[in-house]
Amino acid sequence: MSVITPVSSPLRKAFGAALSACLVLAAALALAPSAEAGPRTFRPGVVQGAVASEPEVAAMRGVGAKSVRTVFSWNAIEDRRRTGSSCATAVYNFARHDALVRDAGQRGLSILPVLAVAPEYVQRNSARYPAPGTRAFGDFQCFVRAVVGRYGRGGPFLARDIVEWQVWNEPNLPLYSPNRTVSPKKYGQLLKATAESIRSRDSRATIVLAGLPEETRGGMNSNVFLRKMYRVKQIRSKFDVVALHPYAVNARGTKGALVRLRETLGKLGDRRRPVWVTEIGWGTKGPKGYFLVTSEQGQADRLQSTLQMLRKNRDRFRLGTVHWYRFRDSASYAQNTGVWVDYAGIYRSDGSPKPSCARYKRFTGAGSTCQRIRDAAPVASSGASALGPETTGEAQVVPSPPE
């Protein structure tokens, strides 16, 4: 026979409060990604083209970002040509990236490196990936093995293992393609070789396809690019995640790009492939009338509606990490570079937060008040960002239409 003991009202209230606190903690732990979150773990992230400073890394965690996507520049790390044919003769300078990996590791922030940007002594245009069959192609593989060997799982740099790697950027645009000619086959060959280099150092690494803007004038539609790339022999086994840059006028356009991507993957027999949004954003200054330029309030509104839509549809689209482009402006309004990507940050270049920062922070659950970043303002970019779509000329990104 069970016996029910009456509980006093104050005790009942205390028990209820404790139970509620436990349930909230359990929910938070269930949603919190581990240091090695899987490709399907939905995580908010940010993009920072240059190596982030320690105050910037602290601010990233302060707004609730779980990941930072940043270029691990081949040009910056290997600043002079190796003397012989062996990879052993290469000289690499990891100092700046050591600091970033250490700062991020201390704060539990994952890093998604974009392996890109060729040294100028290798080829005149550093944005383009090296063509298969060239010496530069082999040099790049030496670089990849060195970087993954240092920072990857089990490497000697014991701050925080990097377990996710993205192979170049936007190869469906002429800006990033050899001889300004988009070639899904050549990019597939680069991806295969680079995947083998990465997995020679970390067999369990997550390999992310270069991010693809869907619509582009003068480039190739992302879905057409994927269909052609999938014809490369054994390509499916060489990567884990498809990455999309669904630039659009609003959340409906972003959703439409994802609908079409999932349809394409379904037709390719790859329905289970995870998708990451490795760039999405709007600038608060730039060419008048361009669809990716809006006011600071407009940016905040689009950030909120788009991120909420992505979280709501994360299972439908098999979404993992979503990176906002970008974390901090690279130029002041007074400098007026005329390039929208320089003004896409949720922070201004002087370290003051825009309205979009508070919206981002509320989305991540980290609160609603953004603190100023107190360090030196970054140097303005030259316009052709290592990360971010070309916005002028023949490869201009155009808006993805609604579904």
Protein backbone atom coordinates (compact mmCIF):
# COMPACT_ATOMS: atom_id res chain seq x y z
CA MET A 1 0.00 0.00 0.00
CA SER A 2 1.43 3.38 -1.01
CA VAL A 3 1.41 6.21 1.42
CA ILE A 4 1.06 9.82 0.21
CA THR A 5 2.56 12.27 2.61
CA PRO A 6 1.01 15.76 2.56
CA VAL A 7 3.50 18.46 1.55
CA SER A 8 3.27 21.96 2.94
CA SER A 9 2.60 24.82 0.52
CA PRO A 10 6.05 26.51 0.93
CA LEU A 11 7.81 23.19 0.45
CA ARG A 12 5.67 22.46 -2.58
CA LYS A 13 6.65 25.80 -4.11
CA ALA A 14 10.35 25.24 -3.40
CA PHE A 15 10.19 21.77 -4.94
CA GLY A 16 8.43 23.16 -8.02
CA ALA A 17 11.03 25.89 -8.47
CA ALA A 18 13.86 23.38 -8.17
CA LEU A 19 12.21 21.05 -10.67
CA SER A 20 11.73 23.92 -13.15
CA ALA A 21 15.38 24.90 -12.82
CA CYS A 22 16.46 21.31 -13.49
CA LEU A 23 14.26 21.11 -16.58
CA VAL A 24 15.67 24.39 -17.94
CA LEU A 25 19.24 23.17 -17.32
CA ALA A 26 18.50 19.84 -18.99
CA ALA A 27 17.04 21.59 -22.03
CA ALA A 28 20.06 23.88 -22.28
CA LEU A 29 22.46 20.94 -22.07
CA ALA A 30 20.51 19.07 -24.73
CA LEU A 31 20.75 22.02 -27.11
CA ALA A 32 24.36 22.93 -26.33
CA PRO A 33 26.75 21.50 -28.94
CA SER A 34 29.80 19.56 -27.81
CA ALA A 35 33.33 20.49 -28.83
CA GLU A 36 32.87 18.10 -31.75
CA ALA A 37 29.27 18.78 -32.71
CA GLY A 38 28.06 16.73 -35.65
CA PRO A 39 27.20 18.07 -39.12
CA ARG A 40 23.47 18.11 -38.25
CA THR A 41 23.89 20.09 -35.02
CA PHE A 42 22.15 23.44 -35.47
CA ARG A 43 24.59 26.11 -34.28
CA PRO A 44 24.69 29.88 -34.73
CA GLY A 45 28.02 31.14 -36.04
CA VAL A 46 29.62 34.25 -37.49
CA VAL A 47 32.04 34.98 -40.33
CA GLN A 48 35.19 37.05 -39.89
CA GLY A 49 37.42 37.28 -42.95
CA ALA A 50 40.58 38.38 -41.13
CA VAL A 51 42.08 36.62 -38.12
CA ALA A 52 40.00 37.78 -35.14
CA SER A 53 41.64 39.58 -32.24
CA GLU A 54 41.24 38.37 -28.65
CA PRO A 55 38.62 41.06 -27.85
CA GLU A 56 36.69 40.07 -31.00
CA VAL A 57 36.74 36.39 -30.02
CA ALA A 58 35.46 37.33 -26.56
CA ALA A 59 32.68 39.39 -28.14
CA MET A 60 31.72 36.49 -30.44
CA ARG A 61 31.14 34.26 -27.45
CA GLY A 62 29.43 37.15 -25.70
CA VAL A 63 26.73 37.27 -28.38
CA GLY A 64 26.24 33.51 -28.21
CA ALA A 65 28.06 32.43 -31.37
CA LYS A 66 29.21 28.81 -31.26
CA SER A 67 31.43 28.89 -34.36
CA VAL A 68 33.55 31.36 -36.30
CA ARG A 69 34.18 30.84 -40.00
CA THR A 70 37.43 32.49 -41.03
CA VAL A 71 39.99 32.15 -43.79
CA PHE A 72 43.16 30.23 -42.98
CA SER A 73 45.05 32.09 -45.66
CA TRP A 74 47.65 30.05 -47.52
CA ASN A 75 49.18 33.40 -48.53
CA ALA A 76 49.52 34.55 -44.91
CA ILE A 77 50.83 31.26 -43.51
CA GLU A 78 53.33 30.38 -46.27
CA ASP A 79 54.79 33.76 -47.19
CA ARG A 80 57.67 32.52 -49.35
CA ARG A 81 58.06 29.76 -51.91
CA ARG A 82 59.54 26.46 -50.79
CA THR A 83 62.97 25.76 -52.24
CA GLY A 84 62.60 22.16 -53.42
CA SER A 85 60.00 19.70 -54.57
CA SER A 86 59.47 18.17 -51.13
CA CYS A 87 56.80 19.47 -48.75
CA ALA A 88 59.44 19.27 -46.01
CA THR A 89 61.19 22.35 -47.42
CA ALA A 90 58.15 24.59 -46.95
CA VAL A 91 58.28 27.23 -44.21
CA TYR A 92 55.06 28.19 -42.46
CA ASN A 93 54.31 31.02 -40.04
CA PHE A 94 51.44 29.97 -37.76
CA ALA A 95 51.83 32.69 -35.09
CA ARG A 96 48.62 34.65 -35.80
CA HIS A 97 46.53 31.53 -36.21
CA ASP A 98 48.01 29.98 -33.06
CA ALA A 99 46.67 32.97 -31.13
CA LEU A 100 43.22 32.64 -32.71
CA VAL A 101 42.97 28.91 -32.04
CA ARG A 102 44.13 29.44 -28.45
CA ASP A 103 41.68 32.31 -27.81
CA ALA A 104 38.78 30.40 -29.37
CA GLY A 105 39.62 27.22 -27.49
CA GLN A 106 39.67 29.00 -24.14
CA ARG A 107 36.12 30.21 -24.82
CA GLY A 108 34.68 27.02 -26.27
CA LEU A 109 34.31 28.56 -29.74
CA SER A 110 34.63 26.21 -32.72
CA ILE A 111 36.54 27.32 -35.81
CA LEU A 112 35.55 26.56 -39.40
CA PRO A 113 38.69 27.37 -41.43
CA VAL A 114 38.28 28.19 -45.11
CA LEU A 115 41.39 26.84 -46.80
CA ALA A 116 41.93 29.48 -49.50
CA VAL A 117 43.88 32.48 -50.83
CA ALA A 118 46.96 31.52 -52.83
CA PRO A 119 50.32 33.24 -52.28
CA GLU A 120 51.11 35.86 -54.88
CA TYR A 121 54.30 34.03 -55.88
CA VAL A 122 52.13 31.03 -56.84
CA GLN A 123 49.62 32.86 -59.03
CA ARG A 124 48.80 36.47 -59.79
CA ASN A 125 45.19 36.33 -58.61
CA SER A 126 45.19 34.89 -55.11
CA ALA A 127 41.41 34.42 -54.92
CA ARG A 128 41.38 31.65 -57.56
CA TYR A 129 41.90 28.05 -56.52
CA PRO A 130 44.90 26.33 -58.14
CA ALA A 131 44.14 24.36 -61.28
CA PRO A 132 44.69 20.58 -61.23
CA GLY A 133 47.97 19.52 -62.83
CA THR A 134 49.87 22.67 -61.85
CA ARG A 135 52.68 23.02 -59.32
CA ALA A 136 50.42 25.33 -57.32
CA PHE A 137 47.95 22.47 -56.95
CA GLY A 138 50.65 20.35 -55.29
CA ASP A 139 51.87 23.26 -53.18
CA PHE A 140 48.34 23.71 -51.85
CA GLN A 141 48.20 20.08 -50.74
CA CYS A 142 51.46 20.55 -48.82
CA PHE A 143 49.89 23.55 -47.09
CA VAL A 144 46.68 21.67 -46.26
CA ARG A 145 48.55 18.74 -44.71
CA ALA A 146 50.66 21.14 -42.63
CA VAL A 147 47.66 23.09 -41.30
CA VAL A 148 45.54 20.03 -40.49
CA GLY A 149 48.57 18.29 -39.00
CA ARG A 150 49.06 21.22 -36.64
CA TYR A 151 45.49 22.10 -35.63
CA GLY A 152 43.51 18.96 -36.43
CA ARG A 153 42.46 16.16 -34.12
CA GLY A 154 45.55 14.75 -32.40
CA GLY A 155 47.84 17.52 -33.65
CA PRO A 156 50.62 19.08 -31.55
CA PHE A 157 48.83 22.39 -30.95
CA LEU A 158 46.94 21.49 -27.79
CA ALA A 159 44.44 24.35 -27.49
CA ARG A 160 41.30 23.01 -29.18
CA ASP A 161 41.18 20.58 -32.06
CA ILE A 162 39.77 21.88 -35.33
CA VAL A 163 37.61 19.10 -36.76
CA GLU A 164 35.81 20.93 -39.63
CA TRP A 165 37.46 22.22 -42.81
CA GLN A 166 35.99 24.10 -45.78
CA VAL A 167 37.70 23.75 -49.16
CA TRP A 168 38.00 27.17 -50.84
CA ASN A 169 35.16 29.64 -51.43
CA GLU A 170 32.40 30.13 -54.04
CA PRO A 171 33.87 28.18 -56.98
CA ASN A 172 30.71 28.81 -59.01
CA LEU A 173 31.90 32.43 -59.42
CA PRO A 174 34.62 33.37 -61.95
CA LEU A 175 36.36 35.39 -59.23
CA TYR A 176 37.43 32.20 -57.46
CA SER A 177 37.99 29.97 -60.51
CA PRO A 178 41.17 29.28 -62.55
CA ASN A 179 41.35 31.58 -65.58
CA ARG A 180 38.00 33.06 -64.47
CA THR A 181 36.28 30.00 -65.95
CA VAL A 182 33.84 28.16 -63.66
CA SER A 183 34.50 24.41 -63.80
CA PRO A 184 32.63 21.97 -61.53
CA LYS A 185 34.99 19.22 -62.73
CA LYS A 186 38.16 21.11 -61.75
CA TYR A 187 36.72 22.07 -58.38
CA GLY A 188 35.71 18.43 -57.86
CA GLN A 189 39.31 17.41 -58.52
CA LEU A 190 40.55 20.00 -56.03
CA LEU A 191 38.01 18.77 -53.47
CA LYS A 192 39.04 15.13 -53.91
CA ALA A 193 42.75 15.84 -53.51
CA THR A 194 42.22 18.19 -50.57
CA ALA A 195 39.91 15.73 -48.81
CA GLU A 196 42.60 13.07 -49.10
CA SER A 197 45.20 15.49 -47.71
CA ILE A 198 42.94 16.39 -44.77
CA ARG A 199 42.07 12.79 -43.97
CA SER A 200 45.71 11.74 -44.16
CA ARG A 201 46.09 13.80 -40.98
CA ASP A 202 42.61 13.33 -39.45
CA SER A 203 40.57 10.44 -40.82
CA ARG A 204 37.42 11.62 -38.98
CA ALA A 205 37.51 15.28 -40.08
CA THR A 206 34.30 16.91 -41.33
CA ILE A 207 34.90 18.24 -44.84
CA VAL A 208 32.66 21.06 -46.01
CA LEU A 209 32.07 21.92 -49.65
CA ALA A 210 32.90 25.51 -50.64
CA GLY A 211 29.91 27.78 -50.05
CA LEU A 212 27.88 28.43 -53.21
CA PRO A 213 25.72 31.52 -53.84
CA GLU A 214 22.63 30.28 -55.67
CA GLU A 215 22.10 32.99 -58.29
CA THR A 216 24.88 34.88 -60.04
CA ARG A 217 25.22 36.96 -63.16
CA GLY A 218 28.15 35.61 -65.16
CA GLY A 219 28.79 32.64 -62.89
CA MET A 220 26.93 29.34 -62.59
CA ASN A 221 23.74 28.60 -60.64
CA SER A 222 24.62 26.56 -57.55
CA ASN A 223 22.25 23.71 -58.41
CA VAL A 224 23.67 23.40 -61.92
CA PHE A 225 27.18 23.46 -60.45
CA LEU A 226 26.35 20.66 -58.02
CA ARG A 227 24.74 18.46 -60.67
CA LYS A 228 27.89 18.70 -62.78
CA MET A 229 30.28 18.32 -59.85
CA TYR A 230 28.52 15.11 -58.75
CA ARG A 231 29.61 13.55 -62.07
CA VAL A 232 33.22 13.53 -60.82
CA LYS A 233 34.09 9.94 -59.98
CA GLN A 234 33.86 9.02 -56.26
CA ILE A 235 33.15 12.64 -55.29
CA ARG A 236 30.30 11.77 -52.88
CA SER A 237 32.64 10.07 -50.44
CA LYS A 238 35.05 13.00 -50.34
CA PHE A 239 32.94 15.48 -48.39
CA ASP A 240 30.38 15.53 -45.59
CA VAL A 241 28.47 18.80 -45.94
CA VAL A 242 27.07 20.91 -48.78
CA ALA A 243 27.39 24.65 -48.09
CA LEU A 244 25.09 27.33 -49.46
CA HIS A 245 25.25 31.13 -49.54
CA PRO A 246 21.54 31.85 -50.10
CA TYR A 247 21.76 35.60 -50.61
CA ALA A 248 18.27 36.99 -51.13
CA VAL A 249 16.10 40.05 -50.56
CA ASN A 250 14.53 38.54 -47.46
CA ALA A 251 13.83 35.35 -45.51
CA ARG A 252 11.41 34.06 -48.18
CA GLY A 253 14.14 34.20 -50.79
CA THR A 254 16.56 32.44 -48.44
CA LYS A 255 14.00 29.71 -47.87
CA GLY A 256 13.44 29.34 -51.61
CA ALA A 257 17.15 28.74 -52.20
CA LEU A 258 17.15 25.96 -49.60
CA VAL A 259 14.02 24.37 -51.06
CA ARG A 260 15.67 24.18 -54.47
CA LEU A 261 18.93 22.86 -53.03
CA ARG A 262 17.14 20.02 -51.24
CA GLU A 263 15.26 19.20 -54.44
CA THR A 264 18.58 19.04 -56.30
CA LEU A 265 20.16 16.77 -53.68
CA GLY A 266 17.09 14.55 -53.81
CA LYS A 267 17.39 14.17 -57.59
CA LEU A 268 21.08 13.34 -57.14
CA GLY A 269 20.16 10.54 -54.74
CA ASP A 270 21.77 12.36 -51.81
CA ARG A 271 18.76 13.28 -49.67
CA ARG A 272 20.51 12.73 -46.34
CA ARG A 273 23.41 15.11 -47.03
CA PRO A 274 23.58 17.84 -44.33
CA VAL A 275 23.54 21.49 -45.45
CA TRP A 276 25.28 24.41 -43.81
CA VAL A 277 24.63 28.07 -44.52
CA THR A 278 28.19 29.38 -44.35
CA GLU A 279 27.21 32.94 -45.36
CA ILE A 280 24.01 34.91 -45.05
CA GLY A 281 23.70 38.64 -44.41
CA TRP A 282 23.04 42.21 -45.54
CA GLY A 283 25.21 45.34 -45.48
CA THR A 284 24.27 48.70 -43.99
CA LYS A 285 26.13 50.69 -46.65
CA GLY A 286 27.08 50.05 -50.25
CA PRO A 287 25.83 50.51 -53.82
CA LYS A 288 22.49 52.32 -53.83
CA GLY A 289 19.61 50.05 -54.75
CA TYR A 290 21.60 46.81 -54.44
CA PHE A 291 19.45 44.11 -52.85
CA LEU A 292 22.03 43.31 -50.16
CA VAL A 293 22.19 46.91 -48.90
CA THR A 294 19.73 48.21 -46.32
CA SER A 295 19.56 50.42 -43.23
CA GLU A 296 20.81 49.35 -39.83
CA GLN A 297 17.21 48.74 -38.75
CA GLY A 298 16.51 46.87 -41.97
CA GLN A 299 19.52 44.64 -41.34
CA ALA A 300 18.27 43.88 -37.83
CA ASP A 301 14.79 42.99 -39.10
CA ARG A 302 16.13 40.72 -41.86
CA LEU A 303 18.56 39.03 -39.49
CA GLN A 304 15.78 38.22 -37.06
CA SER A 305 13.28 36.91 -39.62
CA THR A 306 15.90 34.91 -41.53
CA LEU A 307 17.53 33.23 -38.54
CA GLN A 308 14.14 32.39 -37.06
CA MET A 309 13.07 30.85 -40.37
CA LEU A 310 16.25 28.78 -40.55
CA ARG A 311 15.84 27.47 -37.01
CA LYS A 312 12.17 26.63 -37.61
CA ASN A 313 13.07 24.67 -40.77
CA ARG A 314 16.31 23.09 -39.55
CA ASP A 315 14.95 19.54 -39.74
CA ARG A 316 13.24 20.04 -43.11
CA PHE A 317 16.47 21.31 -44.69
CA ARG A 318 18.81 19.09 -42.59
CA LEU A 319 20.60 22.23 -41.46
CA GLY A 320 23.71 22.37 -39.33
CA THR A 321 25.75 25.50 -38.63
CA VAL A 322 24.42 28.86 -39.86
CA HIS A 323 27.06 31.59 -40.14
CA TRP A 324 26.05 35.25 -40.26
CA TYR A 325 28.14 37.32 -42.68
CA ARG A 326 29.80 39.11 -41.00
CA PHE A 327 30.72 39.81 -37.39
CA ARG A 328 32.33 43.26 -37.71
CA ASP A 329 32.54 45.91 -40.41
CA SER A 330 35.98 46.23 -42.00
CA ALA A 331 35.54 49.94 -42.82
CA SER A 332 33.94 52.97 -41.21
CA TYR A 333 30.99 54.75 -42.79
CA ALA A 334 33.25 57.76 -43.34
CA GLN A 335 35.61 55.66 -45.45
CA ASN A 336 32.70 54.74 -47.75
CA THR A 337 34.40 51.97 -49.72
CA GLY A 338 31.31 51.35 -51.83
CA VAL A 339 31.50 47.60 -51.09
CA TRP A 340 28.55 46.17 -49.17
CA VAL A 341 30.54 43.34 -47.57
CA ASP A 342 32.63 45.90 -45.70
CA TYR A 343 29.46 46.98 -43.85
CA ALA A 344 27.69 43.65 -43.24
CA GLY A 345 28.77 43.34 -39.60
CA ILE A 346 26.58 43.27 -36.53
CA TYR A 347 29.32 45.50 -35.08
CA ARG A 348 30.60 48.73 -36.67
CA SER A 349 34.32 49.02 -37.35
CA ASP A 350 34.84 51.14 -34.21
CA GLY A 351 33.55 48.26 -32.08
CA SER A 352 30.11 49.69 -31.35
CA PRO A 353 27.16 47.31 -31.81
CA LYS A 354 24.49 47.81 -34.45
CA PRO A 355 20.80 47.04 -33.71
CA SER A 356 21.32 43.66 -35.40
CA CYS A 357 23.74 42.65 -32.62
CA ALA A 358 21.00 42.69 -29.99
CA ARG A 359 18.72 40.68 -32.32
CA TYR A 360 21.46 38.10 -32.89
CA LYS A 361 22.11 37.84 -29.17
CA ARG A 362 18.42 37.33 -28.39
CA PHE A 363 18.27 34.64 -31.09
CA THR A 364 21.14 32.69 -29.48
CA GLY A 365 19.66 33.10 -26.01
CA ALA A 366 22.68 35.03 -24.73
CA GLY A 367 20.69 38.09 -23.64
CA SER A 368 19.90 41.36 -25.37
CA THR A 369 22.67 43.85 -24.56
CA CYS A 370 25.82 43.87 -26.69
CA GLN A 371 29.06 45.19 -25.21
CA ARG A 372 31.43 47.38 -27.20
CA ILE A 373 34.56 45.72 -28.62
CA ARG A 374 37.48 47.64 -27.19
CA ASP A 375 40.41 47.27 -29.55
CA ALA A 376 41.85 48.94 -32.63
CA ALA A 377 39.48 49.25 -35.58
CA PRO A 378 40.28 46.91 -38.49
CA VAL A 379 41.89 48.15 -41.68
CA ALA A 380 39.46 48.71 -44.54
CA SER A 381 39.41 45.98 -47.17
CA SER A 382 40.42 46.59 -50.77
CA GLY A 383 37.01 45.45 -52.04
CA ALA A 384 37.77 41.92 -53.25
CA SER A 385 37.17 40.13 -49.97
CA ALA A 386 38.70 36.71 -49.41
CA LEU A 387 35.32 35.73 -47.98
CA GLY A 388 32.17 37.14 -49.49
CA PRO A 389 30.71 37.31 -52.97
CA GLU A 390 31.91 39.56 -55.75
CA THR A 391 29.34 42.30 -56.11
CA THR A 392 30.46 44.09 -59.24
CA GLY A 393 31.28 43.09 -62.78
CA GLU A 394 30.35 39.95 -64.64
CA ALA A 395 29.95 37.71 -61.58
CA GLN A 396 27.57 39.84 -59.58
CA VAL A 397 25.47 37.86 -57.11
CA VAL A 398 21.74 38.32 -57.75
CA PRO A 399 18.92 37.54 -55.31
CA SER A 400 17.63 34.02 -54.90
CA PRO A 401 13.88 34.10 -55.60
CA PRO A 402 11.25 32.89 -53.12
CA GLU A 403 10.14 29.26 -53.30
